[in-house]
Amino acid sequence: NIYTKEIIDYILDLIQTGEKTKKQVMEEYKI
C-alpha cells in the first residue's frame, strides 16, 4: 500500500476544500 494516511488526508482535503474535483485527483495523481 503506497498511500500513507498523510497522503490520503492530503488528497481528501483537496476535494473537500474544492481545490480539485474527484476527476482531477484521479487524473493528476493516477489514483
ModelCIF file with pLDDT and N, C-alpha, C, O atoms, coordinates in Angstrom:
data_MODEL
#
_entry.id   MODEL 
#
_entity.id                         1 
_entity.type                       polymer 
_entity.pdbx_number_of_molecules   1 
#
_entity_poly.entity_id                      1 
_entity_poly.type                           'polypeptide(L)' 
_entity_poly.nstd_linkage                   no 
_entity_poly.nstd_monomer                   no 
_entity_poly.pdbx_seq_one_letter_code       NIYTKEIIDYILDLIQTGEKTKKQVMEEYKI 
_entity_poly.pdbx_seq_one_letter_code_can   NIYTKEIIDYILDLIQTGEKTKKQVMEEYKI 
_entity_poly.pdbx_strand_id                 A 
#
loop_
_entity_poly_seq.entity_id 
_entity_poly_seq.num 
_entity_poly_seq.mon_id 
_entity_poly_seq.hetero 
1 1  ASN n 
1 2  ILE n 
1 3  TYR n 
1 4  THR n 
1 5  LYS n 
1 6  GLU n 
1 7  ILE n 
1 8  ILE n 
1 9  ASP n 
1 10 TYR n 
1 11 ILE n 
1 12 LEU n 
1 13 ASP n 
1 14 LEU n 
1 15 ILE n 
1 16 GLN n 
1 17 THR n 
1 18 GLY n 
1 19 GLU n 
1 20 LYS n 
1 21 THR n 
1 22 LYS n 
1 23 LYS n 
1 24 GLN n 
1 25 VAL n 
1 26 MET n 
1 27 GLU n 
1 28 GLU n 
1 29 TYR n 
1 30 LYS n 
1 31 ILE n 
#
_struct_asym.id          A 
_struct_asym.entity_id   1 
#
loop_
_ma_qa_metric.id 
_ma_qa_metric.mode 
_ma_qa_metric.name 
_ma_qa_metric.software_group_id 
_ma_qa_metric.type 
1 global pLDDT . pLDDT 
2 local  pLDDT . pLDDT 
#
_ma_qa_metric_global.metric_id      1 
_ma_qa_metric_global.metric_value   87.52 
_ma_qa_metric_global.model_id       1 
_ma_qa_metric_global.ordinal_id     1 
#
loop_
_ma_qa_metric_local.label_asym_id 
_ma_qa_metric_local.label_comp_id 
_ma_qa_metric_local.label_seq_id 
_ma_qa_metric_local.metric_id 
_ma_qa_metric_local.metric_value 
_ma_qa_metric_local.model_id 
_ma_qa_metric_local.ordinal_id 
A ASN 1  2 64.00 1 1  
A ILE 2  2 72.00 1 2  
A TYR 3  2 80.00 1 3  
A THR 4  2 81.00 1 4  
A LYS 5  2 82.00 1 5  
A GLU 6  2 83.00 1 6  
A ILE 7  2 85.00 1 7  
A ILE 8  2 88.00 1 8  
A ASP 9  2 88.00 1 9  
A TYR 10 2 88.00 1 10 
A ILE 11 2 90.00 1 11 
A LEU 12 2 91.00 1 12 
A ASP 13 2 91.00 1 13 
A LEU 14 2 91.00 1 14 
A ILE 15 2 92.00 1 15 
A GLN 16 2 92.00 1 16 
A THR 17 2 92.00 1 17 
A GLY 18 2 92.00 1 18 
A GLU 19 2 93.00 1 19 
A LYS 20 2 93.00 1 20 
A THR 21 2 94.00 1 21 
A LYS 22 2 93.00 1 22 
A LYS 23 2 94.00 1 23 
A GLN 24 2 93.00 1 24 
A VAL 25 2 90.00 1 25 
A MET 26 2 90.00 1 26 
A GLU 27 2 89.00 1 27 
A GLU 28 2 87.00 1 28 
A TYR 29 2 84.00 1 29 
A LYS 30 2 84.00 1 30 
A ILE 31 2 87.00 1 31 
#
loop_
_atom_site.group_PDB 
_atom_site.id 
_atom_site.type_symbol 
_atom_site.label_atom_id 
_atom_site.label_alt_id 
_atom_site.label_comp_id 
_atom_site.label_asym_id 
_atom_site.label_entity_id 
_atom_site.label_seq_id 
_atom_site.pdbx_PDB_ins_code 
_atom_site.Cartn_x 
_atom_site.Cartn_y 
_atom_site.Cartn_z 
_atom_site.occupancy 
_atom_site.B_iso_or_equiv 
_atom_site.pdbx_formal_charge 
_atom_site.auth_seq_id 
_atom_site.auth_comp_id 
_atom_site.auth_asym_id 
_atom_site.auth_atom_id 
_atom_site.pdbx_PDB_model_num 
ATOM 1   N N  . ASN A 1 1  ? 0.860   -1.166 0.000   1.00 64.00 ? 1  ASN A N  1 
ATOM 2   C CA . ASN A 1 1  ? 0.000   0.000  0.000   1.00 64.00 ? 1  ASN A CA 1 
ATOM 3   C C  . ASN A 1 1  ? 0.902   1.223  0.000   1.00 64.00 ? 1  ASN A C  1 
ATOM 4   O O  . ASN A 1 1  ? 1.566   1.511  0.995   1.00 64.00 ? 1  ASN A O  1 
ATOM 5   N N  . ILE A 1 2  ? 0.925   1.943  -1.117  1.00 72.00 ? 2  ILE A N  1 
ATOM 6   C CA . ILE A 1 2  ? 1.851   3.071  -1.232  1.00 72.00 ? 2  ILE A CA 1 
ATOM 7   C C  . ILE A 1 2  ? 1.267   4.350  -0.672  1.00 72.00 ? 2  ILE A C  1 
ATOM 8   O O  . ILE A 1 2  ? 1.978   5.348  -0.549  1.00 72.00 ? 2  ILE A O  1 
ATOM 9   N N  . TYR A 1 3  ? -0.006  4.344  -0.330  1.00 80.00 ? 3  TYR A N  1 
ATOM 10  C CA . TYR A 1 3  ? -0.643  5.560  0.146   1.00 80.00 ? 3  TYR A CA 1 
ATOM 11  C C  . TYR A 1 3  ? -0.633  5.601  1.672   1.00 80.00 ? 3  TYR A C  1 
ATOM 12  O O  . TYR A 1 3  ? -1.278  4.782  2.327   1.00 80.00 ? 3  TYR A O  1 
ATOM 13  N N  . THR A 1 4  ? 0.096   6.551  2.223   1.00 81.00 ? 4  THR A N  1 
ATOM 14  C CA . THR A 1 4  ? 0.119   6.710  3.669   1.00 81.00 ? 4  THR A CA 1 
ATOM 15  C C  . THR A 1 4  ? -1.113  7.498  4.103   1.00 81.00 ? 4  THR A C  1 
ATOM 16  O O  . THR A 1 4  ? -1.806  8.082  3.270   1.00 81.00 ? 4  THR A O  1 
ATOM 17  N N  . LYS A 1 5  ? -1.380  7.514  5.388   1.00 82.00 ? 5  LYS A N  1 
ATOM 18  C CA . LYS A 1 5  ? -2.512  8.271  5.929   1.00 82.00 ? 5  LYS A CA 1 
ATOM 19  C C  . LYS A 1 5  ? -2.361  9.754  5.591   1.00 82.00 ? 5  LYS A C  1 
ATOM 20  O O  . LYS A 1 5  ? -3.354  10.433 5.328   1.00 82.00 ? 5  LYS A O  1 
ATOM 21  N N  . GLU A 1 6  ? -1.137  10.256 5.595   1.00 83.00 ? 6  GLU A N  1 
ATOM 22  C CA . GLU A 1 6  ? -0.897  11.656 5.282   1.00 83.00 ? 6  GLU A CA 1 
ATOM 23  C C  . GLU A 1 6  ? -1.276  11.973 3.841   1.00 83.00 ? 6  GLU A C  1 
ATOM 24  O O  . GLU A 1 6  ? -1.866  13.017 3.565   1.00 83.00 ? 6  GLU A O  1 
ATOM 25  N N  . ILE A 1 7  ? -0.938  11.071 2.923   1.00 85.00 ? 7  ILE A N  1 
ATOM 26  C CA . ILE A 1 7  ? -1.281  11.285 1.517   1.00 85.00 ? 7  ILE A CA 1 
ATOM 27  C C  . ILE A 1 7  ? -2.785  11.233 1.338   1.00 85.00 ? 7  ILE A C  1 
ATOM 28  O O  . ILE A 1 7  ? -3.353  12.071 0.637   1.00 85.00 ? 7  ILE A O  1 
ATOM 29  N N  . ILE A 1 8  ? -3.441  10.264 1.960   1.00 88.00 ? 8  ILE A N  1 
ATOM 30  C CA . ILE A 1 8  ? -4.895  10.151 1.870   1.00 88.00 ? 8  ILE A CA 1 
ATOM 31  C C  . ILE A 1 8  ? -5.549  11.427 2.394   1.00 88.00 ? 8  ILE A C  1 
ATOM 32  O O  . ILE A 1 8  ? -6.455  11.969 1.762   1.00 88.00 ? 8  ILE A O  1 
ATOM 33  N N  . ASP A 1 9  ? -5.091  11.903 3.547   1.00 88.00 ? 9  ASP A N  1 
ATOM 34  C CA . ASP A 1 9  ? -5.643  13.137 4.123   1.00 88.00 ? 9  ASP A CA 1 
ATOM 35  C C  . ASP A 1 9  ? -5.437  14.321 3.183   1.00 88.00 ? 9  ASP A C  1 
ATOM 36  O O  . ASP A 1 9  ? -6.329  15.154 3.021   1.00 88.00 ? 9  ASP A O  1 
ATOM 37  N N  . TYR A 1 10 ? -4.268  14.392 2.571   1.00 88.00 ? 10 TYR A N  1 
ATOM 38  C CA . TYR A 1 10 ? -3.959  15.476 1.642   1.00 88.00 ? 10 TYR A CA 1 
ATOM 39  C C  . TYR A 1 10 ? -4.913  15.441 0.447   1.00 88.00 ? 10 TYR A C  1 
ATOM 40  O O  . TYR A 1 10 ? -5.471  16.472 0.069   1.00 88.00 ? 10 TYR A O  1 
ATOM 41  N N  . ILE A 1 11 ? -5.100  14.281 -0.138  1.00 90.00 ? 11 ILE A N  1 
ATOM 42  C CA . ILE A 1 11 ? -5.980  14.127 -1.303  1.00 90.00 ? 11 ILE A CA 1 
ATOM 43  C C  . ILE A 1 11 ? -7.415  14.478 -0.933  1.00 90.00 ? 11 ILE A C  1 
ATOM 44  O O  . ILE A 1 11 ? -8.088  15.208 -1.661  1.00 90.00 ? 11 ILE A O  1 
ATOM 45  N N  . LEU A 1 12 ? -7.884  13.955 0.203   1.00 91.00 ? 12 LEU A N  1 
ATOM 46  C CA . LEU A 1 12 ? -9.257  14.235 0.615   1.00 91.00 ? 12 LEU A CA 1 
ATOM 47  C C  . LEU A 1 12 ? -9.452  15.719 0.924   1.00 91.00 ? 12 LEU A C  1 
ATOM 48  O O  . LEU A 1 12 ? -10.520 16.274 0.668   1.00 91.00 ? 12 LEU A O  1 
ATOM 49  N N  . ASP A 1 13 ? -8.423  16.357 1.471   1.00 91.00 ? 13 ASP A N  1 
ATOM 50  C CA . ASP A 1 13 ? -8.503  17.787 1.755   1.00 91.00 ? 13 ASP A CA 1 
ATOM 51  C C  . ASP A 1 13 ? -8.635  18.593 0.457   1.00 91.00 ? 13 ASP A C  1 
ATOM 52  O O  . ASP A 1 13 ? -9.375  19.575 0.405   1.00 91.00 ? 13 ASP A O  1 
ATOM 53  N N  . LEU A 1 14 ? -7.922  18.176 -0.576  1.00 91.00 ? 14 LEU A N  1 
ATOM 54  C CA . LEU A 1 14 ? -8.039  18.854 -1.872  1.00 91.00 ? 14 LEU A CA 1 
ATOM 55  C C  . LEU A 1 14 ? -9.477  18.813 -2.379  1.00 91.00 ? 14 LEU A C  1 
ATOM 56  O O  . LEU A 1 14 ? -9.982  19.794 -2.925  1.00 91.00 ? 14 LEU A O  1 
ATOM 57  N N  . ILE A 1 15 ? -10.126 17.675 -2.195  1.00 92.00 ? 15 ILE A N  1 
ATOM 58  C CA . ILE A 1 15 ? -11.506 17.518 -2.663  1.00 92.00 ? 15 ILE A CA 1 
ATOM 59  C C  . ILE A 1 15 ? -12.461 18.300 -1.766  1.00 92.00 ? 15 ILE A C  1 
ATOM 60  O O  . ILE A 1 15 ? -13.349 18.995 -2.261  1.00 92.00 ? 15 ILE A O  1 
ATOM 61  N N  . GLN A 1 16 ? -12.283 18.191 -0.451  1.00 92.00 ? 16 GLN A N  1 
ATOM 62  C CA . GLN A 1 16 ? -13.194 18.841 0.492   1.00 92.00 ? 16 GLN A CA 1 
ATOM 63  C C  . GLN A 1 16 ? -13.149 20.368 0.389   1.00 92.00 ? 16 GLN A C  1 
ATOM 64  O O  . GLN A 1 16 ? -14.171 21.036 0.548   1.00 92.00 ? 16 GLN A O  1 
ATOM 65  N N  . THR A 1 17 ? -11.975 20.908 0.127   1.00 92.00 ? 17 THR A N  1 
ATOM 66  C CA . THR A 1 17 ? -11.855 22.367 0.021   1.00 92.00 ? 17 THR A CA 1 
ATOM 67  C C  . THR A 1 17 ? -12.253 22.877 -1.353  1.00 92.00 ? 17 THR A C  1 
ATOM 68  O O  . THR A 1 17 ? -12.337 24.086 -1.568  1.00 92.00 ? 17 THR A O  1 
ATOM 69  N N  . GLY A 1 18 ? -12.497 21.969 -2.280  1.00 92.00 ? 18 GLY A N  1 
ATOM 70  C CA . GLY A 1 18 ? -12.891 22.360 -3.626  1.00 92.00 ? 18 GLY A CA 1 
ATOM 71  C C  . GLY A 1 18 ? -11.728 22.761 -4.505  1.00 92.00 ? 18 GLY A C  1 
ATOM 72  O O  . GLY A 1 18 ? -11.921 23.255 -5.616  1.00 92.00 ? 18 GLY A O  1 
ATOM 73  N N  . GLU A 1 19 ? -10.503 22.546 -4.005  1.00 93.00 ? 19 GLU A N  1 
ATOM 74  C CA . GLU A 1 19 ? -9.326  22.902 -4.791  1.00 93.00 ? 19 GLU A CA 1 
ATOM 75  C C  . GLU A 1 19 ? -9.226  22.032 -6.049  1.00 93.00 ? 19 GLU A C  1 
ATOM 76  O O  . GLU A 1 19 ? -8.785  22.492 -7.102  1.00 93.00 ? 19 GLU A O  1 
ATOM 77  N N  . LYS A 1 20 ? -9.642  20.772 -5.921  1.00 93.00 ? 20 LYS A N  1 
ATOM 78  C CA . LYS A 1 20 ? -9.649  19.855 -7.064  1.00 93.00 ? 20 LYS A CA 1 
ATOM 79  C C  . LYS A 1 20 ? -10.920 19.020 -7.004  1.00 93.00 ? 20 LYS A C  1 
ATOM 80  O O  . LYS A 1 20 ? -11.470 18.765 -5.933  1.00 93.00 ? 20 LYS A O  1 
ATOM 81  N N  . THR A 1 21 ? -11.370 18.604 -8.178  1.00 94.00 ? 21 THR A N  1 
ATOM 82  C CA . THR A 1 21 ? -12.520 17.701 -8.241  1.00 94.00 ? 21 THR A CA 1 
ATOM 83  C C  . THR A 1 21 ? -12.021 16.269 -8.124  1.00 94.00 ? 21 THR A C  1 
ATOM 84  O O  . THR A 1 21 ? -10.823 16.005 -8.227  1.00 94.00 ? 21 THR A O  1 
ATOM 85  N N  . LYS A 1 22 ? -12.947 15.356 -7.910  1.00 93.00 ? 22 LYS A N  1 
ATOM 86  C CA . LYS A 1 22 ? -12.568 13.941 -7.834  1.00 93.00 ? 22 LYS A CA 1 
ATOM 87  C C  . LYS A 1 22 ? -11.905 13.505 -9.127  1.00 93.00 ? 22 LYS A C  1 
ATOM 88  O O  . LYS A 1 22 ? -10.916 12.773 -9.113  1.00 93.00 ? 22 LYS A O  1 
ATOM 89  N N  . LYS A 1 23 ? -12.452 13.956 -10.240 1.00 94.00 ? 23 LYS A N  1 
ATOM 90  C CA . LYS A 1 23 ? -11.900 13.584 -11.545 1.00 94.00 ? 23 LYS A CA 1 
ATOM 91  C C  . LYS A 1 23 ? -10.479 14.117 -11.709 1.00 94.00 ? 23 LYS A C  1 
ATOM 92  O O  . LYS A 1 23 ? -9.602  13.409 -12.203 1.00 94.00 ? 23 LYS A O  1 
ATOM 93  N N  . GLN A 1 24 ? -10.250 15.369 -11.293 1.00 93.00 ? 24 GLN A N  1 
ATOM 94  C CA . GLN A 1 24 ? -8.910  15.947 -11.386 1.00 93.00 ? 24 GLN A CA 1 
ATOM 95  C C  . GLN A 1 24 ? -7.914  15.158 -10.536 1.00 93.00 ? 24 GLN A C  1 
ATOM 96  O O  . GLN A 1 24 ? -6.787  14.911 -10.964 1.00 93.00 ? 24 GLN A O  1 
ATOM 97  N N  . VAL A 1 25 ? -8.329  14.768 -9.345  1.00 90.00 ? 25 VAL A N  1 
ATOM 98  C CA . VAL A 1 25 ? -7.449  13.996 -8.453  1.00 90.00 ? 25 VAL A CA 1 
ATOM 99  C C  . VAL A 1 25 ? -7.094  12.668 -9.096  1.00 90.00 ? 25 VAL A C  1 
ATOM 100 O O  . VAL A 1 25 ? -5.932  12.261 -9.092  1.00 90.00 ? 25 VAL A O  1 
ATOM 101 N N  . MET A 1 26 ? -8.098  11.987 -9.653  1.00 90.00 ? 26 MET A N  1 
ATOM 102 C CA . MET A 1 26 ? -7.844  10.679 -10.274 1.00 90.00 ? 26 MET A CA 1 
ATOM 103 C C  . MET A 1 26 ? -6.892  10.812 -11.466 1.00 90.00 ? 26 MET A C  1 
ATOM 104 O O  . MET A 1 26 ? -6.018  9.967  -11.659 1.00 90.00 ? 26 MET A O  1 
ATOM 105 N N  . GLU A 1 27 ? -7.058  11.862 -12.256 1.00 89.00 ? 27 GLU A N  1 
ATOM 106 C CA . GLU A 1 27 ? -6.207  12.040 -13.433 1.00 89.00 ? 27 GLU A CA 1 
ATOM 107 C C  . GLU A 1 27 ? -4.799  12.495 -13.059 1.00 89.00 ? 27 GLU A C  1 
ATOM 108 O O  . GLU A 1 27 ? -3.811  11.960 -13.563 1.00 89.00 ? 27 GLU A O  1 
ATOM 109 N N  . GLU A 1 28 ? -4.714  13.485 -12.174 1.00 87.00 ? 28 GLU A N  1 
ATOM 110 C CA . GLU A 1 28 ? -3.409  14.067 -11.845 1.00 87.00 ? 28 GLU A CA 1 
ATOM 111 C C  . GLU A 1 28 ? -2.524  13.126 -11.042 1.00 87.00 ? 28 GLU A C  1 
ATOM 112 O O  . GLU A 1 28 ? -1.323  13.039 -11.294 1.00 87.00 ? 28 GLU A O  1 
ATOM 113 N N  . TYR A 1 29 ? -3.109  12.419 -10.074 1.00 84.00 ? 29 TYR A N  1 
ATOM 114 C CA . TYR A 1 29 ? -2.311  11.561 -9.197  1.00 84.00 ? 29 TYR A CA 1 
ATOM 115 C C  . TYR A 1 29 ? -2.421  10.087 -9.546  1.00 84.00 ? 29 TYR A C  1 
ATOM 116 O O  . TYR A 1 29 ? -1.841  9.246  -8.859  1.00 84.00 ? 29 TYR A O  1 
ATOM 117 N N  . LYS A 1 30 ? -3.160  9.759  -10.610 1.00 84.00 ? 30 LYS A N  1 
ATOM 118 C CA . LYS A 1 30 ? -3.300  8.377  -11.082 1.00 84.00 ? 30 LYS A CA 1 
ATOM 119 C C  . LYS A 1 30 ? -3.846  7.459  -9.992  1.00 84.00 ? 30 LYS A C  1 
ATOM 120 O O  . LYS A 1 30 ? -3.381  6.334  -9.815  1.00 84.00 ? 30 LYS A O  1 
ATOM 121 N N  . ILE A 1 31 ? -4.830  7.958  -9.277  1.00 87.00 ? 31 ILE A N  1 
ATOM 122 C CA . ILE A 1 31 ? -5.464  7.168  -8.230  1.00 87.00 ? 31 ILE A CA 1 
ATOM 123 C C  . ILE A 1 31 ? -6.696  6.506  -8.830  1.00 87.00 ? 31 ILE A C  1 
ATOM 124 O O  . ILE A 1 31 ? -7.407  5.779  -8.135  1.00 87.00 ? 31 ILE A O  1 
#
